[in-house]
Amino acid sequence: MTPLRVRPHLAEILDRTVHVVVTFSVLGNLLPEPATVARQIREMLLDTGHQMSIMIGASGNPFDMLAEAYAAGEDLGRRAEQLVHDAELDAAGRAPVTTGAPALLEACRATGRAITVYAPHSESAVGRFLQHHGLRALVGPALGRGFAMRHPAVRTMGPVLESIGALPGETAVVCATFSAMSATQRAGAHAIGVDRLREPRKMLHGGEGSNAVVQSLTHLAEAVRACAPSQHRGASLW
């Protein structure tokens, strides 16, 4: 078999990578009908007499509506959270996993790299999704919306890296969007985008710091196996 040729810049990143953070949008989708959930929260808020801006009221993003609910009051926030959680938990038992995701997690484990999943979703829904696809044993921490809400003003991956005890220079974050890649770069970690999972290559490239874009999770899994971390072989998984 011909050895995989890994682009030098990606190889350089992987050579340094001991910790891999996988953003959940790379793995799957726990809100297949986000506008429906956003509408449920909006109707709940309007039923209480809450008034919102035209911009927020027209949003089809359930996380925008969730933030609006919490801003209106703790009780309304908890009610909105339950609506989002129920939708996510329902999807977790049937949402497909992205092609190549199991191979990537297995490659990280085989090369001694610790794996963290970071999601905007509830931790219980993320856990159910991973369990449903037989992936939970491959992953260490699974940080979800509860973690994110404890750090509402942070716009980098810094708190995630701190929580898992990872050095930015030894961490690669696998992303599907430019915003996630930018947040990673601001934290000083390496960003690896996956082409067309959510956004095309031309949108994922750019920003400051170390970054690379791969054509698929399958390709990234092969590159991970080909580029074991040179200075940390045999590191514990988590």
Protein backbone atom coordinates (compact mmCIF):
# COMPACT_ATOMS: atom_id res chain seq x y z
CA MET A 1 0.00 0.00 0.00
CA THR A 2 1.32 3.46 -0.89
CA PRO A 3 2.02 5.50 2.27
CA LEU A 4 -0.34 8.43 2.77
CA ARG A 5 1.19 11.74 1.75
CA VAL A 6 0.26 14.31 4.38
CA ARG A 7 0.66 17.97 3.46
CA PRO A 8 3.62 19.44 5.35
CA HIS A 9 1.58 22.08 7.21
CA LEU A 10 -0.97 19.51 8.45
CA ALA A 11 1.84 17.12 9.37
CA GLU A 12 3.50 19.87 11.39
CA ILE A 13 0.30 20.49 13.32
CA LEU A 14 -0.33 16.81 13.99
CA ASP A 15 3.26 16.24 15.02
CA ARG A 16 2.66 18.69 17.90
CA THR A 17 -0.84 17.53 18.74
CA VAL A 18 -1.40 15.62 21.97
CA HIS A 19 -4.97 16.77 22.65
CA VAL A 20 -7.73 16.78 20.03
CA VAL A 21 -10.91 18.77 20.63
CA VAL A 22 -13.73 17.85 18.25
CA THR A 23 -16.48 20.44 17.91
CA PHE A 24 -19.83 18.69 17.75
CA SER A 25 -20.85 20.11 14.38
CA VAL A 26 -18.12 17.86 12.97
CA LEU A 27 -19.79 14.75 14.42
CA GLY A 28 -23.46 15.26 13.65
CA ASN A 29 -26.56 17.40 14.12
CA LEU A 30 -28.70 17.35 17.24
CA LEU A 31 -31.05 20.10 16.03
CA PRO A 32 -32.21 19.02 12.56
CA GLU A 33 -35.15 21.46 12.74
CA PRO A 34 -33.71 24.48 14.55
CA ALA A 35 -36.37 26.91 13.34
CA THR A 36 -39.09 24.74 14.88
CA VAL A 37 -37.40 24.81 18.29
CA ALA A 38 -36.80 28.56 17.99
CA ARG A 39 -40.50 29.06 17.23
CA GLN A 40 -41.50 27.01 20.29
CA ILE A 41 -39.37 29.21 22.54
CA ARG A 42 -40.63 32.41 20.89
CA GLU A 43 -44.26 31.35 21.36
CA MET A 44 -43.59 30.44 24.99
CA LEU A 45 -42.06 33.87 25.62
CA LEU A 46 -44.86 35.72 23.84
CA ASP A 47 -47.46 33.80 25.85
CA THR A 48 -45.91 35.24 29.01
CA GLY A 49 -46.19 38.77 27.65
CA HIS A 50 -42.47 39.13 27.05
CA GLN A 51 -41.58 41.69 24.38
CA MET A 52 -38.51 41.25 22.18
CA SER A 53 -36.82 43.13 19.40
CA ILE A 54 -37.88 42.52 15.81
CA MET A 55 -34.45 41.04 15.06
CA ILE A 56 -34.62 38.51 17.88
CA GLY A 57 -38.26 37.75 17.22
CA ALA A 58 -37.48 36.84 13.62
CA SER A 59 -34.52 34.62 14.49
CA GLY A 60 -34.67 30.96 13.56
CA ASN A 61 -31.70 30.19 15.80
CA PRO A 62 -32.83 28.37 18.97
CA PHE A 63 -29.69 29.47 20.81
CA ASP A 64 -30.56 33.13 20.17
CA MET A 65 -34.01 32.47 21.59
CA LEU A 66 -32.54 30.57 24.54
CA ALA A 67 -30.30 33.52 25.38
CA GLU A 68 -33.31 35.85 25.09
CA ALA A 69 -35.28 33.64 27.48
CA TYR A 70 -32.53 33.66 30.11
CA ALA A 71 -32.21 37.44 29.73
CA ALA A 72 -35.94 37.70 30.47
CA GLY A 73 -35.67 35.68 33.67
CA GLU A 74 -34.23 32.53 35.18
CA ASP A 75 -37.54 30.68 35.14
CA LEU A 76 -38.14 31.48 31.47
CA GLY A 77 -34.59 30.44 30.70
CA ARG A 78 -35.11 27.06 32.35
CA ARG A 79 -38.35 26.54 30.44
CA ALA A 80 -36.62 27.37 27.17
CA GLU A 81 -33.70 25.14 28.09
CA GLN A 82 -36.10 22.24 28.57
CA LEU A 83 -37.55 22.76 25.09
CA VAL A 84 -34.10 22.72 23.50
CA HIS A 85 -32.95 19.79 25.64
CA ASP A 86 -35.99 17.68 24.73
CA ALA A 87 -35.43 18.29 21.00
CA GLU A 88 -31.73 17.45 21.29
CA LEU A 89 -32.32 14.32 23.33
CA ASP A 90 -34.92 13.10 20.85
CA ALA A 91 -32.51 13.63 17.94
CA ALA A 92 -29.59 12.01 19.79
CA GLY A 93 -31.07 8.54 19.42
CA ARG A 94 -31.53 8.76 15.66
CA ALA A 95 -29.18 11.41 14.23
CA PRO A 96 -26.56 9.91 11.92
CA VAL A 97 -22.88 10.30 12.66
CA THR A 98 -20.70 12.04 10.07
CA THR A 99 -18.83 9.68 7.75
CA GLY A 100 -15.28 9.25 9.00
CA ALA A 101 -15.96 10.45 12.55
CA PRO A 102 -15.56 6.99 14.16
CA ALA A 103 -12.33 6.47 12.19
CA LEU A 104 -10.99 9.82 13.43
CA LEU A 105 -11.74 9.05 17.08
CA GLU A 106 -10.21 5.59 16.74
CA ALA A 107 -7.09 7.04 15.09
CA CYS A 108 -6.67 9.55 17.93
CA ARG A 109 -6.96 6.79 20.49
CA ALA A 110 -4.56 4.51 18.60
CA THR A 111 -1.90 7.26 18.53
CA GLY A 112 -2.28 8.16 22.21
CA ARG A 113 -4.04 11.48 21.71
CA ALA A 114 -6.62 12.57 24.26
CA ILE A 115 -10.04 13.44 22.81
CA THR A 116 -12.55 16.02 24.04
CA VAL A 117 -15.90 16.81 22.46
CA TYR A 118 -17.17 20.39 22.75
CA ALA A 119 -20.81 21.10 21.87
CA PRO A 120 -23.46 23.83 22.15
CA HIS A 121 -25.88 21.05 23.11
CA SER A 122 -26.87 19.55 26.45
CA GLU A 123 -24.33 17.15 27.90
CA SER A 124 -26.93 14.39 28.27
CA ALA A 125 -27.88 14.61 24.57
CA VAL A 126 -24.23 14.55 23.51
CA GLY A 127 -23.62 11.54 25.74
CA ARG A 128 -26.65 9.72 24.31
CA PHE A 129 -25.48 10.42 20.75
CA LEU A 130 -21.99 9.09 21.44
CA GLN A 131 -23.39 6.04 23.24
CA HIS A 132 -25.87 5.35 20.42
CA HIS A 133 -23.03 5.21 17.89
CA GLY A 134 -20.69 3.22 20.14
CA LEU A 135 -18.24 6.11 20.46
CA ARG A 136 -18.45 7.07 24.14
CA ALA A 137 -15.53 4.86 25.16
CA LEU A 138 -13.29 6.63 22.64
CA VAL A 139 -13.91 10.10 24.09
CA GLY A 140 -12.77 11.69 27.32
CA PRO A 141 -14.63 14.84 28.48
CA ALA A 142 -17.78 15.81 26.60
CA LEU A 143 -18.37 19.49 27.36
CA GLY A 144 -21.75 20.89 26.44
CA ARG A 145 -24.05 23.85 26.89
CA GLY A 146 -23.79 23.80 30.66
CA PHE A 147 -20.05 24.39 30.38
CA ALA A 148 -20.52 27.11 27.74
CA MET A 149 -23.09 28.95 29.84
CA ARG A 150 -20.66 29.11 32.75
CA HIS A 151 -18.33 31.03 30.42
CA PRO A 152 -20.80 33.25 28.50
CA ALA A 153 -18.41 36.10 27.72
CA VAL A 154 -15.55 33.98 26.40
CA ARG A 155 -14.98 34.03 22.64
CA THR A 156 -12.08 31.65 22.42
CA MET A 157 -11.48 28.00 23.19
CA GLY A 158 -9.38 29.06 26.17
CA PRO A 159 -11.75 27.79 28.91
CA VAL A 160 -12.07 24.44 27.14
CA LEU A 161 -8.29 23.99 27.06
CA GLU A 162 -7.98 25.05 30.68
CA SER A 163 -10.67 22.63 31.81
CA ILE A 164 -8.90 19.64 30.25
CA GLY A 165 -5.42 20.78 31.22
CA ALA A 166 -4.23 21.08 27.62
CA LEU A 167 -1.52 23.41 26.38
CA PRO A 168 -2.69 25.42 23.34
CA GLY A 169 0.42 24.54 21.33
CA GLU A 170 -0.25 20.83 21.86
CA THR A 171 -3.95 20.99 20.98
CA ALA A 172 -5.77 20.73 17.64
CA VAL A 173 -9.44 21.65 17.38
CA VAL A 174 -11.37 20.00 14.54
CA CYS A 175 -13.88 22.53 13.21
CA ALA A 176 -16.66 22.87 10.65
CA THR A 177 -17.03 26.67 10.64
CA PHE A 178 -14.83 29.72 10.29
CA SER A 179 -16.10 31.09 13.61
CA ALA A 180 -14.91 27.96 15.42
CA MET A 181 -11.56 28.12 13.66
CA SER A 182 -11.17 31.77 14.60
CA ALA A 183 -12.03 31.07 18.24
CA THR A 184 -9.43 28.30 18.24
CA GLN A 185 -6.74 30.53 16.78
CA ARG A 186 -7.49 33.26 19.33
CA ALA A 187 -6.86 30.69 22.04
CA GLY A 188 -3.47 29.87 20.51
CA ALA A 189 -4.41 26.31 19.51
CA HIS A 190 -4.22 24.69 16.06
CA ALA A 191 -7.42 24.78 13.97
CA ILE A 192 -8.21 22.00 11.51
CA GLY A 193 -11.24 22.67 9.33
CA VAL A 194 -13.16 20.01 7.43
CA ASP A 195 -14.23 21.13 3.96
CA ARG A 196 -17.98 21.40 3.30
CA LEU A 197 -19.29 19.80 6.45
CA ARG A 198 -20.83 23.21 7.11
CA GLU A 199 -18.76 25.71 5.12
CA PRO A 200 -16.48 25.49 2.05
CA ARG A 201 -12.69 25.52 2.17
CA LYS A 202 -12.42 29.15 1.03
CA MET A 203 -14.39 30.24 4.12
CA LEU A 204 -12.50 28.04 6.55
CA HIS A 205 -9.05 29.28 5.57
CA GLY A 206 -7.69 32.50 6.98
CA GLY A 207 -7.30 34.13 10.34
CA GLU A 208 -4.20 34.25 12.44
CA GLY A 209 -2.25 31.37 13.87
CA SER A 210 -1.86 27.77 12.85
CA ASN A 211 -4.59 26.25 10.70
CA ALA A 212 -5.21 23.66 8.02
CA VAL A 213 -8.20 22.39 6.04
CA VAL A 214 -8.79 18.74 5.13
CA GLN A 215 -11.13 17.27 2.54
CA SER A 216 -12.87 14.83 4.90
CA LEU A 217 -12.78 13.26 8.35
CA THR A 218 -11.62 10.04 6.71
CA HIS A 219 -8.62 11.85 5.26
CA LEU A 220 -7.89 13.46 8.62
CA ALA A 221 -8.08 10.06 10.36
CA GLU A 222 -5.50 8.68 7.94
CA ALA A 223 -3.25 11.68 8.53
CA VAL A 224 -3.56 11.31 12.31
CA ARG A 225 -2.41 7.69 12.09
CA ALA A 226 0.47 8.67 9.81
CA CYS A 227 1.67 11.48 12.11
CA ALA A 228 1.98 10.22 15.67
CA PRO A 229 3.01 13.03 18.06
CA SER A 230 6.82 12.86 17.93
CA GLN A 231 7.61 14.06 21.43
CA HIS A 232 4.74 12.47 23.31
CA ARG A 233 4.52 8.87 22.17
CA GLY A 234 2.83 6.68 24.70
CA ALA A 235 1.00 9.56 26.42
CA SER A 236 -2.02 8.48 28.40
CA LEU A 237 -5.38 8.80 26.67
CA TRP A 238 -6.98 11.01 29.34
